[in-house]
Amino acid sequence: MPAVALVTGGNRGIGLGITQRLLADGFAVSILATREEPTELLESLDAPGRVRYVRGSVADLEDHARFVDDAVEAWGRLDLLVNNAGVAPSVRADLLEAGAESFDRVLGINLRGPYFLTQTFANRVIALGADVLPRATVINVSSISATTVSTNRGDYCISKAGVAMATQLFAVRLAPEGIVVYEVRPGVIATDMTAGVTEKYDALIAEGLAPINRWGRPSDVAGAVSILASGQTPYSTGEVFHVDGGMHIPVL
């Protein structure tokens, strides 16, 4: 039986890159996403019996148990949770003008959702009682916005900073249970989420935004997830894996 991975938002962008890489690594992958089941996409993954699709929202706590239960019923085990699903603000607004509706939506999907899905996943892993270590791995996909200020999307920055703290909290709490937790922190990645700001970041990258002078790709993030999901770092937890071309390095 292959190792089993749950990937939120695994049908597009960074999440699709992660799904593809994990399948290549031999995982069975269950995707949680809000859109109708993408039959053609799932068929294109060419992994019969190793892909499942659960339609639901990470923001809906009732969908969490359904997502986890579906994977256990299909494959009988849980090895990896990748909290990838996330949204940007519908409208970028100055901190002095931003509204509560956008704040609640962004925090609900980007922070509240993965926080409680991790809780559901961890409790189920503990109940399954696997005798290998680590029993399971949780990987939170955050953003360089966890530590980099953008005053016209404060809700997004706060949500990702919260994910960074949640990573450390769960790393400490779950270590005695044999579950390790990591944060993968992407920089500027070419996806549909960044399509509307391509011109802006083309210019910034050309000006030297990061030492590695190009856009990041979903496959770059997927590579980091693959390494952390491999089980080869069992004495490490709570760590941040930057995938930003070195953008996080302070430079004079």
C-alpha atoms as a PDB file:
ATOM      1  CA  MET A   1       0.000   0.000   0.000  1.00  0.00           C
ATOM      2  CA  PRO A   2       1.497   3.380  -0.975  1.00  0.00           C
ATOM      3  CA  ALA A   3       1.954   6.198   1.508  1.00  0.00           C
ATOM      4  CA  VAL A   4      -1.101   8.471   1.577  1.00  0.00           C
ATOM      5  CA  ALA A   5      -1.017  12.253   1.179  1.00  0.00           C
ATOM      6  CA  LEU A   6      -3.829  14.762   1.619  1.00  0.00           C
ATOM      7  CA  VAL A   7      -3.342  17.978  -0.366  1.00  0.00           C
ATOM      8  CA  THR A   8      -5.707  20.925  -0.034  1.00  0.00           C
ATOM      9  CA  GLY A   9      -6.086  22.924  -3.220  1.00  0.00           C
ATOM     10  CA  GLY A  10      -4.182  20.202  -5.035  1.00  0.00           C
ATOM     11  CA  ASN A  11      -5.939  20.768  -8.359  1.00  0.00           C
ATOM     12  CA  ARG A  12      -4.286  24.013  -9.503  1.00  0.00           C
ATOM     13  CA  GLY A  13      -1.225  26.213  -9.180  1.00  0.00           C
ATOM     14  CA  ILE A  14       1.272  25.264  -6.498  1.00  0.00           C
ATOM     15  CA  GLY A  15      -1.083  22.575  -5.242  1.00  0.00           C
ATOM     16  CA  LEU A  16      -1.206  20.827  -8.607  1.00  0.00           C
ATOM     17  CA  GLY A  17       2.570  20.897  -8.772  1.00  0.00           C
ATOM     18  CA  ILE A  18       2.668  19.250  -5.348  1.00  0.00           C
ATOM     19  CA  THR A  19       0.110  16.624  -6.372  1.00  0.00           C
ATOM     20  CA  GLN A  20       2.096  15.748  -9.488  1.00  0.00           C
ATOM     21  CA  ARG A  21       5.369  15.457  -7.576  1.00  0.00           C
ATOM     22  CA  LEU A  22       3.917  13.319  -4.796  1.00  0.00           C
ATOM     23  CA  LEU A  23       2.366  10.955  -7.335  1.00  0.00           C
ATOM     24  CA  ALA A  24       5.762  10.698  -9.034  1.00  0.00           C
ATOM     25  CA  ASP A  25       7.230   9.884  -5.615  1.00  0.00           C
ATOM     26  CA  GLY A  26       4.788   6.983  -5.268  1.00  0.00           C
ATOM     27  CA  PHE A  27       2.206   8.502  -2.934  1.00  0.00           C
ATOM     28  CA  ALA A  28      -1.527   8.031  -3.201  1.00  0.00           C
ATOM     29  CA  VAL A  29      -2.993  11.540  -3.144  1.00  0.00           C
ATOM     30  CA  SER A  30      -6.393  12.842  -2.090  1.00  0.00           C
ATOM     31  CA  ILE A  31      -7.251  16.383  -3.151  1.00  0.00           C
ATOM     32  CA  LEU A  32      -9.649  18.715  -1.338  1.00  0.00           C
ATOM     33  CA  ALA A  33     -10.905  21.552  -3.545  1.00  0.00           C
ATOM     34  CA  THR A  34     -14.022  23.643  -4.027  1.00  0.00           C
ATOM     35  CA  ARG A  35     -14.485  23.197  -7.774  1.00  0.00           C
ATOM     36  CA  GLU A  36     -16.397  20.414  -9.488  1.00  0.00           C
ATOM     37  CA  GLU A  37     -14.341  17.280  -9.961  1.00  0.00           C
ATOM     38  CA  PRO A  38     -11.924  17.973 -12.851  1.00  0.00           C
ATOM     39  CA  THR A  39     -12.262  14.643 -14.660  1.00  0.00           C
ATOM     40  CA  GLU A  40      -9.831  15.473 -17.472  1.00  0.00           C
ATOM     41  CA  LEU A  41      -7.207  16.735 -15.035  1.00  0.00           C
ATOM     42  CA  LEU A  42      -7.455  13.648 -12.855  1.00  0.00           C
ATOM     43  CA  GLU A  43      -7.181  11.392 -15.893  1.00  0.00           C
ATOM     44  CA  SER A  44      -4.129  13.328 -17.080  1.00  0.00           C
ATOM     45  CA  LEU A  45      -2.360  12.523 -13.817  1.00  0.00           C
ATOM     46  CA  ASP A  46      -2.286   8.907 -15.025  1.00  0.00           C
ATOM     47  CA  ALA A  47      -2.324   7.330 -11.579  1.00  0.00           C
ATOM     48  CA  PRO A  48      -5.274   4.913 -11.474  1.00  0.00           C
ATOM     49  CA  GLY A  49      -6.278   4.023  -7.950  1.00  0.00           C
ATOM     50  CA  ARG A  50      -3.873   6.557  -6.443  1.00  0.00           C
ATOM     51  CA  VAL A  51      -5.882   9.783  -6.815  1.00  0.00           C
ATOM     52  CA  ARG A  52      -9.075  10.806  -5.089  1.00  0.00           C
ATOM     53  CA  TYR A  53     -10.942  14.105  -5.256  1.00  0.00           C
ATOM     54  CA  VAL A  54     -13.127  15.406  -2.452  1.00  0.00           C
ATOM     55  CA  ARG A  55     -15.173  18.484  -3.240  1.00  0.00           C
ATOM     56  CA  GLY A  56     -15.254  20.776  -0.239  1.00  0.00           C
ATOM     57  CA  SER A  57     -13.703  23.808   1.387  1.00  0.00           C
ATOM     58  CA  VAL A  58     -10.894  23.967   3.900  1.00  0.00           C
ATOM     59  CA  ALA A  59     -12.873  26.818   5.479  1.00  0.00           C
ATOM     60  CA  ASP A  60     -15.750  24.438   6.288  1.00  0.00           C
ATOM     61  CA  LEU A  61     -14.846  22.417   9.370  1.00  0.00           C
ATOM     62  CA  GLU A  62     -17.446  19.767   8.517  1.00  0.00           C
ATOM     63  CA  ASP A  63     -15.520  18.995   5.332  1.00  0.00           C
ATOM     64  CA  HIS A  64     -12.365  18.196   7.309  1.00  0.00           C
ATOM     65  CA  ALA A  65     -13.602  14.927   8.783  1.00  0.00           C
ATOM     66  CA  ARG A  66     -15.138  13.937   5.443  1.00  0.00           C
ATOM     67  CA  PHE A  67     -11.809  14.544   3.688  1.00  0.00           C
ATOM     68  CA  VAL A  68      -9.784  12.551   6.216  1.00  0.00           C
ATOM     69  CA  ASP A  69     -12.353   9.751   6.500  1.00  0.00           C
ATOM     70  CA  ASP A  70     -12.516   9.319   2.727  1.00  0.00           C
ATOM     71  CA  ALA A  71      -8.768   8.702   2.498  1.00  0.00           C
ATOM     72  CA  VAL A  72      -8.737   6.265   5.408  1.00  0.00           C
ATOM     73  CA  GLU A  73     -11.673   4.323   3.973  1.00  0.00           C
ATOM     74  CA  ALA A  74      -9.973   4.142   0.568  1.00  0.00           C
ATOM     75  CA  TRP A  75      -6.423   3.378   1.615  1.00  0.00           C
ATOM     76  CA  GLY A  76      -6.409   2.560   5.336  1.00  0.00           C
ATOM     77  CA  ARG A  77      -3.631   4.923   6.368  1.00  0.00           C
ATOM     78  CA  LEU A  78      -2.505   8.565   6.601  1.00  0.00           C
ATOM     79  CA  ASP A  79       1.083   9.695   6.088  1.00  0.00           C
ATOM     80  CA  LEU A  80       1.121  13.307   4.946  1.00  0.00           C
ATOM     81  CA  LEU A  81      -1.010  16.437   5.109  1.00  0.00           C
ATOM     82  CA  VAL A  82      -0.092  19.373   2.878  1.00  0.00           C
ATOM     83  CA  ASN A  83      -1.997  22.501   3.889  1.00  0.00           C
ATOM     84  CA  ASN A  84      -1.667  24.310   0.579  1.00  0.00           C
ATOM     85  CA  ALA A  85      -5.062  25.878  -0.203  1.00  0.00           C
ATOM     86  CA  GLY A  86      -5.089  29.627   0.103  1.00  0.00           C
ATOM     87  CA  VAL A  87      -6.590  32.799  -1.316  1.00  0.00           C
ATOM     88  CA  ALA A  88      -5.496  36.369  -1.837  1.00  0.00           C
ATOM     89  CA  PRO A  89      -7.754  39.302  -0.953  1.00  0.00           C
ATOM     90  CA  SER A  90     -10.498  39.866  -3.504  1.00  0.00           C
ATOM     91  CA  VAL A  91      -9.473  43.523  -3.552  1.00  0.00           C
ATOM     92  CA  ARG A  92      -6.177  44.932  -2.356  1.00  0.00           C
ATOM     93  CA  ALA A  93      -6.999  47.731   0.071  1.00  0.00           C
ATOM     94  CA  ASP A  94      -5.018  50.050   2.307  1.00  0.00           C
ATOM     95  CA  LEU A  95      -4.950  49.074   5.980  1.00  0.00           C
ATOM     96  CA  LEU A  96      -7.037  52.144   6.838  1.00  0.00           C
ATOM     97  CA  GLU A  97      -9.739  51.191   4.347  1.00  0.00           C
ATOM     98  CA  ALA A  98      -9.805  47.371   4.314  1.00  0.00           C
ATOM     99  CA  GLY A  99     -13.059  45.728   5.342  1.00  0.00           C
ATOM    100  CA  ALA A 100     -13.938  42.897   7.694  1.00  0.00           C
ATOM    101  CA  GLU A 101     -15.524  40.743   4.979  1.00  0.00           C
ATOM    102  CA  SER A 102     -12.236  40.244   3.144  1.00  0.00           C
ATOM    103  CA  PHE A 103     -10.375  39.765   6.431  1.00  0.00           C
ATOM    104  CA  ASP A 104     -12.749  37.025   7.575  1.00  0.00           C
ATOM    105  CA  ARG A 105     -12.646  35.257   4.202  1.00  0.00           C
ATOM    106  CA  VAL A 106      -8.850  35.275   3.930  1.00  0.00           C
ATOM    107  CA  LEU A 107      -8.250  34.265   7.545  1.00  0.00           C
ATOM    108  CA  GLY A 108     -10.934  31.577   7.340  1.00  0.00           C
ATOM    109  CA  ILE A 109      -9.332  29.838   4.372  1.00  0.00           C
ATOM    110  CA  ASN A 110      -5.647  30.581   4.941  1.00  0.00           C
ATOM    111  CA  LEU A 111      -5.367  30.138   8.721  1.00  0.00           C
ATOM    112  CA  ARG A 112      -8.481  28.843  10.466  1.00  0.00           C
ATOM    113  CA  GLY A 113      -8.926  26.091   7.887  1.00  0.00           C
ATOM    114  CA  PRO A 114      -5.444  24.543   8.042  1.00  0.00           C
ATOM    115  CA  TYR A 115      -5.299  24.994  11.816  1.00  0.00           C
ATOM    116  CA  PHE A 116      -8.358  22.827  12.403  1.00  0.00           C
ATOM    117  CA  LEU A 117      -7.645  20.426   9.537  1.00  0.00           C
ATOM    118  CA  THR A 118      -4.264  19.723  11.133  1.00  0.00           C
ATOM    119  CA  GLN A 119      -6.077  19.004  14.390  1.00  0.00           C
ATOM    120  CA  THR A 120      -8.440  16.550  12.660  1.00  0.00           C
ATOM    121  CA  PHE A 121      -5.619  14.880  10.731  1.00  0.00           C
ATOM    122  CA  ALA A 122      -3.378  14.525  13.791  1.00  0.00           C
ATOM    123  CA  ASN A 123      -6.109  13.022  15.944  1.00  0.00           C
ATOM    124  CA  ARG A 124      -6.884  10.460  13.246  1.00  0.00           C
ATOM    125  CA  VAL A 125      -3.194   9.574  12.808  1.00  0.00           C
ATOM    126  CA  ILE A 126      -2.886   9.056  16.560  1.00  0.00           C
ATOM    127  CA  ALA A 127      -5.986   6.856  16.562  1.00  0.00           C
ATOM    128  CA  LEU A 128      -4.602   4.736  13.710  1.00  0.00           C
ATOM    129  CA  GLY A 129      -1.563   4.036  15.886  1.00  0.00           C
ATOM    130  CA  ALA A 130       1.123   3.319  13.284  1.00  0.00           C
ATOM    131  CA  ASP A 131       4.308   1.974  14.869  1.00  0.00           C
ATOM    132  CA  VAL A 132       6.791   3.650  12.487  1.00  0.00           C
ATOM    133  CA  LEU A 133       8.439   7.013  13.132  1.00  0.00           C
ATOM    134  CA  PRO A 134       7.667   9.592  12.076  1.00  0.00           C
ATOM    135  CA  ARG A 135       4.063   8.441  12.104  1.00  0.00           C
ATOM    136  CA  ALA A 136       3.111  11.264   9.768  1.00  0.00           C
ATOM    137  CA  THR A 137       4.203  14.626   8.406  1.00  0.00           C
ATOM    138  CA  VAL A 138       2.349  17.938   8.167  1.00  0.00           C
ATOM    139  CA  ILE A 139       3.610  20.555   5.707  1.00  0.00           C
ATOM    140  CA  ASN A 140       2.146  24.054   5.745  1.00  0.00           C
ATOM    141  CA  VAL A 141       2.613  26.090   2.578  1.00  0.00           C
ATOM    142  CA  SER A 142       2.798  29.707   3.697  1.00  0.00           C
ATOM    143  CA  SER A 143       4.358  32.704   1.930  1.00  0.00           C
ATOM    144  CA  ILE A 144       7.165  35.181   2.214  1.00  0.00           C
ATOM    145  CA  SER A 145       4.323  37.491   3.266  1.00  0.00           C
ATOM    146  CA  ALA A 146       4.554  35.828   6.686  1.00  0.00           C
ATOM    147  CA  THR A 147       7.441  38.206   7.385  1.00  0.00           C
ATOM    148  CA  THR A 148       7.293  40.749   4.538  1.00  0.00           C
ATOM    149  CA  VAL A 149       4.875  43.655   4.880  1.00  0.00           C
ATOM    150  CA  SER A 150       2.382  44.607   2.156  1.00  0.00           C
ATOM    151  CA  THR A 151       0.140  47.344   3.539  1.00  0.00           C
ATOM    152  CA  ASN A 152      -2.467  46.858   0.802  1.00  0.00           C
ATOM    153  CA  ARG A 153      -3.098  43.224   1.743  1.00  0.00           C
ATOM    154  CA  GLY A 154      -2.712  43.095   5.476  1.00  0.00           C
ATOM    155  CA  ASP A 155      -5.232  40.274   5.853  1.00  0.00           C
ATOM    156  CA  TYR A 156      -3.100  38.009   3.664  1.00  0.00           C
ATOM    157  CA  CYS A 157       0.111  38.861   5.538  1.00  0.00           C
ATOM    158  CA  ILE A 158      -1.522  38.201   8.905  1.00  0.00           C
ATOM    159  CA  SER A 159      -2.929  34.884   7.703  1.00  0.00           C
ATOM    160  CA  LYS A 160       0.498  33.664   6.600  1.00  0.00           C
ATOM    161  CA  ALA A 161       2.197  34.905   9.762  1.00  0.00           C
ATOM    162  CA  GLY A 162      -0.404  32.890  11.650  1.00  0.00           C
ATOM    163  CA  VAL A 163       0.437  29.796   9.615  1.00  0.00           C
ATOM    164  CA  ALA A 164       4.090  30.239  10.575  1.00  0.00           C
ATOM    165  CA  MET A 165       3.184  30.273  14.269  1.00  0.00           C
ATOM    166  CA  ALA A 166       0.757  27.373  13.853  1.00  0.00           C
ATOM    167  CA  THR A 167       3.628  25.363  12.376  1.00  0.00           C
ATOM    168  CA  GLN A 168       5.689  25.874  15.514  1.00  0.00           C
ATOM    169  CA  LEU A 169       2.757  25.223  17.824  1.00  0.00           C
ATOM    170  CA  PHE A 170       1.848  21.926  16.184  1.00  0.00           C
ATOM    171  CA  ALA A 171       5.517  20.943  15.871  1.00  0.00           C
ATOM    172  CA  VAL A 172       5.878  21.124  19.645  1.00  0.00           C
ATOM    173  CA  ARG A 173       2.514  19.532  20.439  1.00  0.00           C
ATOM    174  CA  LEU A 174       2.766  16.686  17.941  1.00  0.00           C
ATOM    175  CA  ALA A 175       6.405  15.703  18.432  1.00  0.00           C
ATOM    176  CA  PRO A 176       5.521  13.347  21.330  1.00  0.00           C
ATOM    177  CA  GLU A 177       2.943  11.738  19.025  1.00  0.00           C
ATOM    178  CA  GLY A 178       5.552  10.988  16.364  1.00  0.00           C
ATOM    179  CA  ILE A 179       4.269  13.615  13.916  1.00  0.00           C
ATOM    180  CA  VAL A 180       6.652  16.173  12.413  1.00  0.00           C
ATOM    181  CA  VAL A 181       5.561  19.562  11.091  1.00  0.00           C
ATOM    182  CA  TYR A 182       7.264  21.865   8.607  1.00  0.00           C
ATOM    183  CA  GLU A 183       6.605  25.152   6.847  1.00  0.00           C
ATOM    184  CA  VAL A 184       7.423  25.682   3.185  1.00  0.00           C
ATOM    185  CA  ARG A 185       7.591  29.427   2.530  1.00  0.00           C
ATOM    186  CA  PRO A 186       7.392  30.365  -1.181  1.00  0.00           C
ATOM    187  CA  GLY A 187       8.366  33.697  -2.650  1.00  0.00           C
ATOM    188  CA  VAL A 188       7.088  34.985  -5.978  1.00  0.00           C
ATOM    189  CA  ILE A 189       5.654  31.956  -7.797  1.00  0.00           C
ATOM    190  CA  ALA A 190       4.101  32.034 -11.278  1.00  0.00           C
ATOM    191  CA  THR A 191       0.501  30.833 -10.815  1.00  0.00           C
ATOM    192  CA  ASP A 192      -3.004  32.060 -11.571  1.00  0.00           C
ATOM    193  CA  MET A 193      -2.913  33.866  -8.204  1.00  0.00           C
ATOM    194  CA  THR A 194      -0.023  36.066  -9.344  1.00  0.00           C
ATOM    195  CA  ALA A 195      -1.205  36.480 -12.949  1.00  0.00           C
ATOM    196  CA  GLY A 196      -2.686  39.896 -12.197  1.00  0.00           C
ATOM    197  CA  VAL A 197       0.612  41.308 -10.918  1.00  0.00           C
ATOM    198  CA  THR A 198       2.943  39.824 -13.531  1.00  0.00           C
ATOM    199  CA  GLU A 199       4.102  43.195 -14.853  1.00  0.00           C
ATOM    200  CA  LYS A 200       4.890  44.461 -11.348  1.00  0.00           C
ATOM    201  CA  TYR A 201       6.983  41.442 -10.411  1.00  0.00           C
ATOM    202  CA  ASP A 202       8.663  41.199 -13.809  1.00  0.00           C
ATOM    203  CA  ALA A 203      10.068  44.653 -13.094  1.00  0.00           C
ATOM    204  CA  LEU A 204      11.029  43.855  -9.489  1.00  0.00           C
ATOM    205  CA  ILE A 205      12.746  40.621 -10.495  1.00  0.00           C
ATOM    206  CA  ALA A 206      14.658  42.457 -13.223  1.00  0.00           C
ATOM    207  CA  GLU A 207      15.785  44.954 -10.575  1.00  0.00           C
ATOM    208  CA  GLY A 208      17.180  42.174  -8.363  1.00  0.00           C
ATOM    209  CA  LEU A 209      14.320  41.278  -6.023  1.00  0.00           C
ATOM    210  CA  ALA A 210      16.018  37.950  -5.251  1.00  0.00           C
ATOM    211  CA  PRO A 211      19.548  36.608  -5.762  1.00  0.00           C
ATOM    212  CA  ILE A 212      18.182  33.847  -8.023  1.00  0.00           C
ATOM    213  CA  ASN A 213      16.863  36.174 -10.677  1.00  0.00           C
ATOM    214  CA  ARG A 214      13.664  34.553 -11.980  1.00  0.00           C
ATOM    215  CA  TRP A 215      10.076  33.737 -11.144  1.00  0.00           C
ATOM    216  CA  GLY A 216       9.566  30.681  -8.984  1.00  0.00           C
ATOM    217  CA  ARG A 217       7.589  27.768 -10.369  1.00  0.00           C
ATOM    218  CA  PRO A 218       5.107  25.380  -8.726  1.00  0.00           C
ATOM    219  CA  SER A 219       7.659  22.623  -9.312  1.00  0.00           C
ATOM    220  CA  ASP A 220      10.141  24.505  -7.110  1.00  0.00           C
ATOM    221  CA  VAL A 221       7.723  24.392  -4.190  1.00  0.00           C
ATOM    222  CA  ALA A 222       6.812  20.791  -4.967  1.00  0.00           C
ATOM    223  CA  GLY A 223      10.474  19.829  -4.777  1.00  0.00           C
ATOM    224  CA  ALA A 224      10.712  21.190  -1.246  1.00  0.00           C
ATOM    225  CA  VAL A 225       7.565  19.317  -0.229  1.00  0.00           C
ATOM    226  CA  SER A 226       8.993  16.131  -1.730  1.00  0.00           C
ATOM    227  CA  ILE A 227      12.165  16.406   0.344  1.00  0.00           C
ATOM    228  CA  LEU A 228      10.302  17.044   3.593  1.00  0.00           C
ATOM    229  CA  ALA A 229       7.761  14.300   2.879  1.00  0.00           C
ATOM    230  CA  SER A 230      10.459  11.710   2.216  1.00  0.00           C
ATOM    231  CA  GLY A 231      10.968  10.796   5.872  1.00  0.00           C
ATOM    232  CA  GLN A 232      14.674  11.585   5.587  1.00  0.00           C
ATOM    233  CA  THR A 233      14.593  14.386   8.185  1.00  0.00           C
ATOM    234  CA  PRO A 234      13.071  12.625  11.226  1.00  0.00           C
ATOM    235  CA  TYR A 235      15.072  14.643  13.781  1.00  0.00           C
ATOM    236  CA  SER A 236      13.805  17.960  12.448  1.00  0.00           C
ATOM    237  CA  THR A 237      10.477  19.665  13.099  1.00  0.00           C
ATOM    238  CA  GLY A 238       9.106  23.205  13.081  1.00  0.00           C
ATOM    239  CA  GLU A 239      11.594  24.239  10.396  1.00  0.00           C
ATOM    240  CA  VAL A 240      11.010  26.771   7.612  1.00  0.00           C
ATOM    241  CA  PHE A 241      12.076  25.779   4.088  1.00  0.00           C
ATOM    242  CA  HIS A 242      12.358  28.954   1.993  1.00  0.00           C
ATOM    243  CA  VAL A 243      11.555  28.635  -1.710  1.00  0.00           C
ATOM    244  CA  ASP A 244      12.070  32.238  -2.764  1.00  0.00           C
ATOM    245  CA  GLY A 245      15.328  32.440  -4.689  1.00  0.00           C
ATOM    246  CA  GLY A 246      16.990  33.912  -1.611  1.00  0.00           C
ATOM    247  CA  MET A 247      14.544  36.818  -1.370  1.00  0.00           C
ATOM    248  CA  HIS A 248      14.376  36.427   2.423  1.00  0.00           C
ATOM    249  CA  ILE A 249      18.104  37.165   2.872  1.00  0.00           C
ATOM    250  CA  PRO A 250      18.750  40.722   4.147  1.00  0.00           C
ATOM    251  CA  VAL A 251      21.144  42.477   1.774  1.00  0.00           C
ATOM    252  CA  LEU A 252      22.887  45.828   2.219  1.00  0.00           C
END
